[in-house]
Amino acid sequence: NKFHLISNSLYGALIFFTGLGLFAVFTAEAEGHKNHDAIPKTEPDSDPPALSEASVSSAVFDHNGRLWLAWVLEQRLYVNYSDNKGKSFSTPKQVSPESETVSMNPEARPNIALTDQGVIYVSYAQKLKQGFAGHVRFSRSLDDGKSFSTPLTVNDDDQFIAHGFASLAVNHQGDIYITWLDSRDSAAVEKAGNDYIGSAVYYARSDDEGVTFQPNVKIADHSCQCCRTVMAMNRDDLPVIMWRHIYGTDRRDHALVTFSSRSSFSQVQQVSDDEWHLDACPHHGPSLAVDSRNRYHISWFTNGKARQGVFYAYSDDQGENFSSPLPVGVIGQPARHSSLLVHGEQVYLSWKAFDGKSTALYIMSSGDRGASWSEPRVVTTTGGGSDHPFLLNNNNEIHLSWQTRDEGYRLLPVNALLQTLAENSVSSSSSCPAETGH
């Protein structure tokens, strides 16, 4: 299957957890694309790998407006670029060795980041043969993507256990941070005959452009096992890291830490309280953005007793307190897999929703740092499977990056689309009196 996207991966998770009574919870999350996502496997040919057939992709713009993508096809990691906003792409460069198997799980997606000097960094999850085992891998390019370094393993315990669901970020000083979910503590505790709930959150930092990484540091015990981590740099150019946490034995809310220096961070702070008791992983990580005045913007998915769906909130005190959760979405079309982006006073929030036949990509925006929001608007739709959508900033132009089965990779200009939708709405409203008179 060349397009093993979120619907298939979650569908498999549902079958696994049927005995736990979770099928009803995640039926919408599987998005009904079981058949849509099934693409017959074709025989390999001599043509270069095609981004249009990729399973998952991650994208970023450099300061010159070049769009860089890291994507997975047939369990191999590739990088290429576009100089015309996605109309055409360079020949892809394979990063992962032939001997490796790269995860195609959208929650364990590859990451790509750029320095101000144009160095390209990528991280990804290498799958191992031992069950859910894997390593967090890293590579870099110093020659504008022409070649990549031999990948190194970031997790330093070298055990054949689970390491993955990573996020990657680089600050203006050139420090590289990678954070991920790690099962070394659960393996040690369980080997001693005791119980350990969930995984742990670890991070590693490089201050030599990725030549080496400093020893791994544990941030917290008892994270959810299969929801992606997220990371953003705050006003001090230091990381803020957020993940789904397990409180008690099975309550899956969210937590974050804020770094106070390059290598020290705050106590773990709980940032959502939805009373979602679940003895399984939702495969649904949060989104995080920090604006220039250090307001933290977060969005997350829950199916708890207190609330269900995707929600948004903000904090002005580094996560100690948050605004009241704002529900995101449209009645009858539950929101899934949101993405946040901040630009000045503007905040953008996108998500996708499945109505039983097709998946719609929605967006809404705020001009006052999240205090008030526009009405949700449909940007586009697809009839087949799709990856998670992500918002990108290209020199003040906002775009949506979306990998779809039917249309391939799509880069959508948000500002232009919103203006067109607003003009169409005004045009429709002005025509109402004439239509009413017929």
Protein backbone atom coordinates (compact mmCIF):
# COMPACT_ATOMS: atom_id res chain seq x y z
CA ASN A 1 0.00 0.00 0.00
CA LYS A 2 1.68 3.18 -1.22
CA PHE A 3 -0.60 5.45 0.72
CA HIS A 4 -0.69 4.10 4.26
CA LEU A 5 -2.23 7.20 5.85
CA ILE A 6 -3.95 8.04 9.09
CA SER A 7 -7.16 6.25 8.24
CA ASN A 8 -5.49 2.90 7.68
CA SER A 9 -3.14 3.15 10.64
CA LEU A 10 -5.99 4.06 12.95
CA TYR A 11 -8.24 1.41 11.47
CA GLY A 12 -5.63 -1.18 12.38
CA ALA A 13 -5.42 0.27 15.88
CA LEU A 14 -9.18 -0.03 16.21
CA ILE A 15 -9.19 -3.69 15.33
CA PHE A 16 -6.44 -4.26 17.89
CA PHE A 17 -8.47 -2.55 20.61
CA THR A 18 -11.89 -3.98 19.77
CA GLY A 19 -11.73 -6.19 22.84
CA LEU A 20 -11.40 -3.05 24.92
CA GLY A 21 -14.64 -1.67 23.55
CA LEU A 22 -13.01 1.24 21.70
CA PHE A 23 -14.42 0.76 18.22
CA ALA A 24 -17.29 3.18 18.76
CA VAL A 25 -14.93 5.84 20.09
CA PHE A 26 -12.69 5.87 17.05
CA THR A 27 -14.99 5.00 14.16
CA ALA A 28 -15.02 8.64 13.06
CA GLU A 29 -11.27 8.83 13.57
CA ALA A 30 -10.78 6.04 11.05
CA GLU A 31 -12.62 8.41 8.69
CA GLY A 32 -14.35 5.75 6.69
CA HIS A 33 -11.52 5.54 4.16
CA LYS A 34 -10.70 1.90 4.64
CA ASN A 35 -11.46 1.16 1.01
CA HIS A 36 -10.42 4.56 -0.34
CA ASP A 37 -6.91 4.19 1.06
CA ALA A 38 -6.32 0.78 -0.50
CA ILE A 39 -4.18 1.28 -3.59
CA PRO A 40 -3.04 -1.81 -5.46
CA LYS A 41 0.70 -2.28 -5.22
CA THR A 42 2.37 -1.74 -8.56
CA GLU A 43 5.63 -3.16 -9.79
CA PRO A 44 8.60 -0.83 -9.24
CA ASP A 45 9.99 0.92 -12.31
CA SER A 46 12.97 3.08 -13.16
CA ASP A 47 11.17 6.39 -12.65
CA PRO A 48 12.25 8.46 -9.63
CA PRO A 49 10.00 8.24 -6.55
CA ALA A 50 6.94 10.47 -6.88
CA LEU A 51 5.84 12.82 -4.12
CA SER A 52 2.27 12.41 -5.40
CA GLU A 53 2.35 8.81 -4.18
CA ALA A 54 3.85 9.55 -0.76
CA SER A 55 2.18 8.39 2.40
CA VAL A 56 3.12 11.24 4.75
CA SER A 57 4.95 14.51 4.15
CA SER A 58 6.28 17.38 6.25
CA ALA A 59 7.13 20.76 4.77
CA VAL A 60 8.85 24.04 5.57
CA PHE A 61 9.72 27.22 3.66
CA ASP A 62 13.22 28.68 3.74
CA HIS A 63 13.87 32.43 3.87
CA ASN A 64 14.09 32.58 0.06
CA GLY A 65 10.62 31.09 -0.40
CA ARG A 66 11.83 27.64 -1.42
CA LEU A 67 9.50 24.90 -0.17
CA TRP A 68 11.30 21.88 1.31
CA LEU A 69 9.58 18.55 1.92
CA ALA A 70 10.51 15.37 3.78
CA TRP A 71 8.26 12.47 2.81
CA VAL A 72 7.95 8.72 3.00
CA LEU A 73 7.25 6.32 0.15
CA GLU A 74 7.60 2.54 0.36
CA GLN A 75 9.14 3.01 3.83
CA ARG A 76 11.99 5.18 2.52
CA LEU A 77 12.62 8.81 3.45
CA TYR A 78 13.11 11.41 0.69
CA VAL A 79 13.73 15.15 0.57
CA ASN A 80 13.11 17.51 -2.33
CA TYR A 81 12.09 21.12 -2.94
CA SER A 82 9.92 23.41 -5.05
CA ASP A 83 10.79 26.91 -6.23
CA ASN A 84 7.29 27.61 -7.59
CA LYS A 85 5.08 26.86 -4.59
CA GLY A 86 4.44 23.23 -5.34
CA LYS A 87 3.85 23.35 -9.09
CA SER A 88 6.97 21.28 -9.74
CA PHE A 89 9.63 19.64 -7.61
CA SER A 90 13.30 18.76 -7.76
CA THR A 91 14.44 15.17 -8.14
CA PRO A 92 14.06 13.61 -4.68
CA LYS A 93 17.11 12.68 -2.64
CA GLN A 94 16.85 9.51 -0.55
CA VAL A 95 17.98 10.08 3.03
CA SER A 96 17.38 6.72 4.68
CA PRO A 97 19.71 3.81 3.86
CA GLU A 98 18.32 0.89 1.90
CA SER A 99 18.72 -1.29 4.96
CA GLU A 100 16.30 0.83 6.99
CA THR A 101 12.53 0.77 7.26
CA VAL A 102 11.04 4.20 7.92
CA SER A 103 7.76 4.61 9.79
CA MET A 104 4.82 5.83 7.70
CA ASN A 105 2.63 6.50 10.74
CA PRO A 106 1.37 10.10 10.48
CA GLU A 107 1.81 10.52 14.24
CA ALA A 108 5.44 9.34 13.89
CA ARG A 109 6.03 11.39 10.75
CA PRO A 110 9.42 12.65 9.54
CA ASN A 111 10.47 16.14 10.58
CA ILE A 112 12.36 18.77 8.61
CA ALA A 113 13.88 22.02 9.91
CA LEU A 114 16.20 24.68 8.49
CA THR A 115 18.76 27.00 10.02
CA ASP A 116 19.11 30.67 9.12
CA GLN A 117 22.24 29.64 7.22
CA GLY A 118 20.40 27.10 5.09
CA VAL A 119 21.47 23.86 6.76
CA ILE A 120 18.75 21.19 6.41
CA TYR A 121 17.95 18.86 9.30
CA VAL A 122 15.66 15.84 9.19
CA SER A 123 14.60 13.32 11.80
CA TYR A 124 12.51 10.21 11.42
CA ALA A 125 11.45 6.99 13.11
CA GLN A 126 13.29 3.86 12.05
CA LYS A 127 11.19 0.73 12.47
CA LEU A 128 12.86 -2.40 13.81
CA LYS A 129 11.78 -6.00 13.50
CA GLN A 130 11.10 -6.42 17.22
CA GLY A 131 7.39 -5.61 17.56
CA PHE A 132 6.91 -1.89 18.18
CA ALA A 133 10.66 -1.24 18.51
CA GLY A 134 12.33 1.65 16.72
CA HIS A 135 15.01 4.31 16.84
CA VAL A 136 14.92 8.09 16.45
CA ARG A 137 17.23 8.91 13.54
CA PHE A 138 18.77 12.19 12.37
CA SER A 139 20.55 13.44 9.23
CA ARG A 140 21.62 16.78 7.82
CA SER A 141 22.58 18.42 4.54
CA LEU A 142 25.24 21.12 4.28
CA ASP A 143 25.04 21.49 0.49
CA ASP A 144 21.48 22.64 -0.14
CA GLY A 145 19.99 19.17 -0.20
CA LYS A 146 22.41 17.66 -2.71
CA SER A 147 23.58 15.08 -0.18
CA PHE A 148 22.74 14.02 3.37
CA SER A 149 24.95 12.73 6.14
CA THR A 150 24.87 9.12 7.25
CA PRO A 151 21.94 9.01 9.69
CA LEU A 152 22.79 8.72 13.38
CA THR A 153 20.64 7.34 16.18
CA VAL A 154 19.61 10.04 18.66
CA ASN A 155 18.38 7.78 21.47
CA ASP A 156 21.56 6.73 23.27
CA ASP A 157 20.33 3.63 25.11
CA ASP A 158 20.76 1.47 21.98
CA GLN A 159 17.99 -0.92 23.05
CA PHE A 160 15.63 -2.66 20.66
CA ILE A 161 12.57 -1.08 22.26
CA ALA A 162 10.18 1.71 21.31
CA HIS A 163 11.60 5.17 20.57
CA GLY A 164 9.56 7.42 18.30
CA PHE A 165 6.80 10.01 17.79
CA ALA A 166 9.47 12.70 17.71
CA SER A 167 9.49 16.41 17.00
CA LEU A 168 12.42 18.51 15.81
CA ALA A 169 13.16 22.22 16.19
CA VAL A 170 16.15 24.54 15.79
CA ASN A 171 16.51 28.01 17.32
CA HIS A 172 18.28 31.10 16.00
CA GLN A 173 21.43 30.20 17.92
CA GLY A 174 21.62 26.95 15.99
CA ASP A 175 20.72 24.62 18.86
CA ILE A 176 18.92 21.53 17.60
CA TYR A 177 16.34 19.92 19.86
CA ILE A 178 14.66 16.57 19.32
CA THR A 179 12.06 15.21 21.72
CA TRP A 180 10.38 11.81 21.53
CA LEU A 181 8.51 9.05 23.38
CA ASP A 182 10.77 6.42 24.90
CA SER A 183 10.08 3.05 26.52
CA ARG A 184 13.45 2.46 28.24
CA ASP A 185 11.98 3.22 31.68
CA SER A 186 8.98 0.98 31.19
CA ALA A 187 11.29 -1.79 29.95
CA ALA A 188 13.49 -1.48 33.05
CA VAL A 189 10.58 -1.37 35.50
CA GLU A 190 8.77 -4.26 33.87
CA LYS A 191 11.98 -6.31 33.76
CA ALA A 192 12.11 -5.91 37.54
CA GLY A 193 8.59 -7.33 37.74
CA ASN A 194 6.73 -4.09 38.35
CA ASP A 195 4.18 -2.12 36.35
CA TYR A 196 4.90 1.07 34.43
CA ILE A 197 2.14 3.14 32.83
CA GLY A 198 2.73 4.47 29.34
CA SER A 199 6.06 5.73 27.99
CA ALA A 200 8.41 8.56 28.95
CA VAL A 201 9.27 11.84 27.22
CA TYR A 202 12.96 12.37 26.42
CA TYR A 203 14.94 15.02 24.57
CA ALA A 204 18.44 15.53 23.22
CA ARG A 205 20.25 18.71 22.13
CA SER A 206 23.02 19.35 19.62
CA ASP A 207 25.10 22.51 19.64
CA ASP A 208 27.45 21.51 16.80
CA GLU A 209 25.01 21.51 13.86
CA GLY A 210 24.03 17.90 14.42
CA VAL A 211 27.48 16.34 14.36
CA THR A 212 26.77 14.96 17.84
CA PHE A 213 23.95 15.05 20.36
CA GLN A 214 24.38 15.46 24.08
CA PRO A 215 23.22 12.65 26.41
CA ASN A 216 19.49 11.98 26.44
CA VAL A 217 17.49 13.65 29.22
CA LYS A 218 14.16 12.46 30.55
CA ILE A 219 11.49 15.15 30.79
CA ALA A 220 8.64 13.12 32.26
CA ASP A 221 7.40 9.64 33.02
CA HIS A 222 4.01 8.28 31.95
CA SER A 223 3.27 9.84 28.59
CA CYS A 224 0.75 8.39 26.19
CA GLN A 225 2.53 5.83 24.00
CA CYS A 226 1.49 6.72 20.43
CA CYS A 227 0.50 10.40 20.19
CA ARG A 228 3.03 12.71 18.60
CA THR A 229 4.97 15.24 20.64
CA VAL A 230 5.04 18.90 19.55
CA MET A 231 7.61 21.62 20.13
CA ALA A 232 7.85 25.37 19.53
CA MET A 233 10.39 28.04 20.42
CA ASN A 234 9.24 30.75 22.82
CA ARG A 235 10.15 34.44 22.98
CA ASP A 236 13.45 33.54 24.63
CA ASP A 237 14.27 31.18 21.75
CA LEU A 238 13.93 28.17 24.05
CA PRO A 239 11.75 25.08 23.60
CA VAL A 240 8.21 24.56 24.80
CA ILE A 241 7.27 20.89 24.53
CA MET A 242 3.74 19.46 24.73
CA TRP A 243 2.43 15.89 24.69
CA ARG A 244 -0.50 13.73 25.73
CA HIS A 245 0.10 12.58 29.30
CA ILE A 246 -1.35 9.77 31.41
CA TYR A 247 -2.62 10.94 34.79
CA GLY A 248 -3.43 8.27 37.34
CA THR A 249 -3.87 4.93 35.64
CA ASP A 250 -5.73 5.84 32.46
CA ARG A 251 -6.67 9.56 32.24
CA ARG A 252 -5.20 10.92 28.99
CA ASP A 253 -4.96 14.69 29.14
CA HIS A 254 -2.11 16.95 28.04
CA ALA A 255 1.02 18.39 29.62
CA LEU A 256 3.89 20.71 28.71
CA VAL A 257 7.22 22.00 29.94
CA THR A 258 8.99 25.28 29.24
CA PHE A 259 12.76 25.50 29.04
CA SER A 260 14.35 28.20 31.23
CA SER A 261 17.82 27.68 29.75
CA ARG A 262 19.37 25.57 26.99
CA SER A 263 19.29 22.50 29.26
CA SER A 264 16.82 23.11 32.10
CA PHE A 265 13.04 23.12 32.06
CA SER A 266 10.02 23.72 34.26
CA GLN A 267 7.98 21.26 36.21
CA VAL A 268 5.45 19.35 34.13
CA GLN A 269 2.27 21.40 33.83
CA GLN A 270 -1.14 19.93 33.05
CA VAL A 271 -2.80 21.96 30.29
CA SER A 272 -6.04 20.09 29.60
CA ASP A 273 -8.53 18.51 31.99
CA ASP A 274 -11.06 16.56 29.95
CA GLU A 275 -11.45 13.41 32.08
CA TRP A 276 -10.71 11.09 29.18
CA HIS A 277 -10.30 7.68 30.77
CA LEU A 278 -8.90 5.32 28.18
CA ASP A 279 -6.77 2.20 28.42
CA ALA A 280 -5.36 2.66 24.90
CA CYS A 281 -3.64 5.31 22.81
CA PRO A 282 -5.79 7.68 20.69
CA HIS A 283 -3.05 8.21 18.03
CA HIS A 284 -3.93 11.90 18.07
CA GLY A 285 -1.30 14.40 19.19
CA PRO A 286 -1.76 18.11 19.98
CA SER A 287 -0.69 21.31 18.22
CA LEU A 288 1.30 24.21 19.71
CA ALA A 289 2.41 27.69 18.65
CA VAL A 290 4.00 30.58 20.58
CA ASP A 291 3.60 34.18 19.44
CA SER A 292 6.08 37.05 19.67
CA ARG A 293 4.62 38.23 22.99
CA ASN A 294 5.01 34.74 24.47
CA ARG A 295 1.37 33.72 24.41
CA TYR A 296 1.10 29.94 24.15
CA HIS A 297 -1.58 28.74 21.72
CA ILE A 298 -2.61 25.08 21.93
CA SER A 299 -5.19 22.81 20.31
CA TRP A 300 -5.96 19.19 21.09
CA PHE A 301 -8.40 16.34 20.59
CA THR A 302 -10.31 14.62 23.37
CA ASN A 303 -13.20 12.26 23.89
CA GLY A 304 -13.46 12.77 27.62
CA LYS A 305 -16.30 13.10 30.08
CA ALA A 306 -15.82 16.86 30.29
CA ARG A 307 -15.71 17.57 26.55
CA GLN A 308 -15.38 15.87 23.18
CA GLY A 309 -13.76 17.04 19.94
CA VAL A 310 -10.96 19.49 19.13
CA PHE A 311 -10.44 22.49 21.40
CA TYR A 312 -8.31 25.65 21.46
CA ALA A 313 -6.93 27.65 24.39
CA TYR A 314 -4.14 30.12 25.14
CA SER A 315 -1.90 30.98 28.08
CA ASP A 316 -0.09 34.20 28.99
CA ASP A 317 1.87 32.75 31.92
CA GLN A 318 3.89 30.00 30.25
CA GLY A 319 1.24 27.36 30.62
CA GLU A 320 0.33 27.79 34.27
CA ASN A 321 -3.20 28.93 33.36
CA PHE A 322 -5.16 28.69 30.13
CA SER A 323 -8.25 30.37 28.72
CA SER A 324 -11.50 28.42 28.68
CA PRO A 325 -11.36 25.67 26.03
CA LEU A 326 -12.97 26.83 22.78
CA PRO A 327 -14.69 24.06 20.79
CA VAL A 328 -13.49 23.80 17.19
CA GLY A 329 -15.47 22.36 14.31
CA VAL A 330 -18.86 22.15 12.68
CA ILE A 331 -21.88 20.30 14.05
CA GLY A 332 -22.13 16.85 12.50
CA GLN A 333 -18.52 16.93 11.21
CA PRO A 334 -16.17 16.36 14.15
CA ALA A 335 -12.81 18.08 13.83
CA ARG A 336 -9.65 15.99 13.73
CA HIS A 337 -5.89 16.60 13.55
CA SER A 338 -5.63 20.35 13.98
CA SER A 339 -2.68 22.61 13.15
CA LEU A 340 -1.85 26.03 14.62
CA LEU A 341 0.21 28.90 13.23
CA VAL A 342 0.83 32.40 14.60
CA HIS A 343 1.95 35.43 12.65
CA GLY A 344 1.96 38.74 14.49
CA GLU A 345 -1.52 39.28 15.91
CA GLN A 346 -2.95 36.64 13.58
CA VAL A 347 -3.62 33.07 14.67
CA TYR A 348 -4.65 30.40 12.17
CA LEU A 349 -6.20 27.05 13.06
CA SER A 350 -6.88 24.32 10.52
CA TRP A 351 -8.29 20.80 10.80
CA LYS A 352 -9.97 18.12 8.76
CA ALA A 353 -13.42 16.58 9.13
CA PHE A 354 -15.06 13.56 7.54
CA ASP A 355 -18.80 13.59 6.69
CA GLY A 356 -19.08 9.92 5.75
CA LYS A 357 -18.18 10.43 2.09
CA SER A 358 -15.37 12.95 1.80
CA THR A 359 -12.88 14.79 3.98
CA ALA A 360 -13.07 18.58 4.19
CA LEU A 361 -10.17 20.81 5.14
CA TYR A 362 -11.31 23.68 7.38
CA ILE A 363 -9.68 26.85 8.60
CA MET A 364 -10.56 29.72 10.90
CA SER A 365 -8.51 32.72 11.95
CA SER A 366 -8.17 35.25 14.72
CA GLY A 367 -6.92 38.82 14.35
CA ASP A 368 -6.55 39.44 18.09
CA ARG A 369 -4.26 36.64 19.26
CA GLY A 370 -6.99 34.11 19.82
CA ALA A 371 -9.50 36.26 21.72
CA SER A 372 -12.11 36.03 18.94
CA TRP A 373 -12.38 33.91 15.81
CA SER A 374 -13.84 33.96 12.33
CA GLU A 375 -16.40 31.39 11.27
CA PRO A 376 -14.93 28.06 10.10
CA ARG A 377 -14.59 27.84 6.32
CA VAL A 378 -14.02 24.88 4.04
CA VAL A 379 -10.81 25.35 2.07
CA THR A 380 -11.01 22.20 -0.05
CA THR A 381 -12.10 18.55 0.04
CA THR A 382 -10.85 15.14 -1.01
CA GLY A 383 -12.71 11.91 -1.63
CA GLY A 384 -9.90 9.57 -0.62
CA GLY A 385 -7.52 9.13 2.26
CA SER A 386 -5.42 12.02 3.52
CA ASP A 387 -2.55 12.88 5.79
CA HIS A 388 -2.77 15.49 8.54
CA PRO A 389 -2.89 19.12 7.32
CA PHE A 390 -0.22 21.62 8.42
CA LEU A 391 -0.01 25.40 8.26
CA LEU A 392 3.14 27.05 6.87
CA ASN A 393 4.40 30.63 6.75
CA ASN A 394 6.25 31.82 3.65
CA ASN A 395 7.45 35.38 4.18
CA ASN A 396 4.07 36.47 5.59
CA GLU A 397 2.06 34.34 3.16
CA ILE A 398 0.18 31.56 4.94
CA HIS A 399 -0.23 28.19 3.23
CA LEU A 400 -1.76 24.82 4.03
CA SER A 401 0.31 21.73 3.30
CA TRP A 402 -1.79 18.60 2.71
CA GLN A 403 -0.91 15.18 1.35
CA THR A 404 -3.90 13.41 -0.23
CA ARG A 405 -4.33 10.11 -1.98
CA ASP A 406 -6.38 11.33 -4.93
CA GLU A 407 -4.78 14.71 -5.61
CA GLY A 408 -1.25 14.04 -4.32
CA TYR A 409 0.58 16.82 -2.53
CA ARG A 410 -1.34 20.10 -2.23
CA LEU A 411 -0.04 23.51 -1.19
CA LEU A 412 -2.98 25.85 -0.65
CA PRO A 413 -2.61 29.66 -0.30
CA VAL A 414 -4.70 30.43 2.76
CA ASN A 415 -4.99 34.23 2.50
CA ALA A 416 -6.04 34.15 -1.14
CA LEU A 417 -8.54 31.37 -0.50
CA LEU A 418 -10.06 33.15 2.49
CA GLN A 419 -10.41 36.36 0.45
CA THR A 420 -12.13 34.47 -2.38
CA LEU A 421 -14.47 32.72 0.06
CA ALA A 422 -15.33 36.05 1.71
CA GLU A 423 -16.03 37.69 -1.67
CA ASN A 424 -18.23 34.79 -2.70
CA SER A 425 -20.10 35.04 0.58
CA VAL A 426 -20.73 38.77 0.07
CA SER A 427 -21.81 38.13 -3.51
CA SER A 428 -24.25 35.45 -2.40
CA SER A 429 -25.67 37.69 0.32
CA SER A 430 -26.20 40.61 -2.06
CA SER A 431 -28.12 38.39 -4.48
CA CYS A 432 -30.57 37.20 -1.84
CA PRO A 433 -33.20 40.01 -2.27
CA ALA A 434 -33.46 39.40 -6.00
CA GLU A 435 -33.78 35.67 -5.46
CA THR A 436 -36.40 36.22 -2.78
CA GLY A 437 -38.49 38.28 -5.19
CA HIS A 438 -38.91 35.44 -7.70
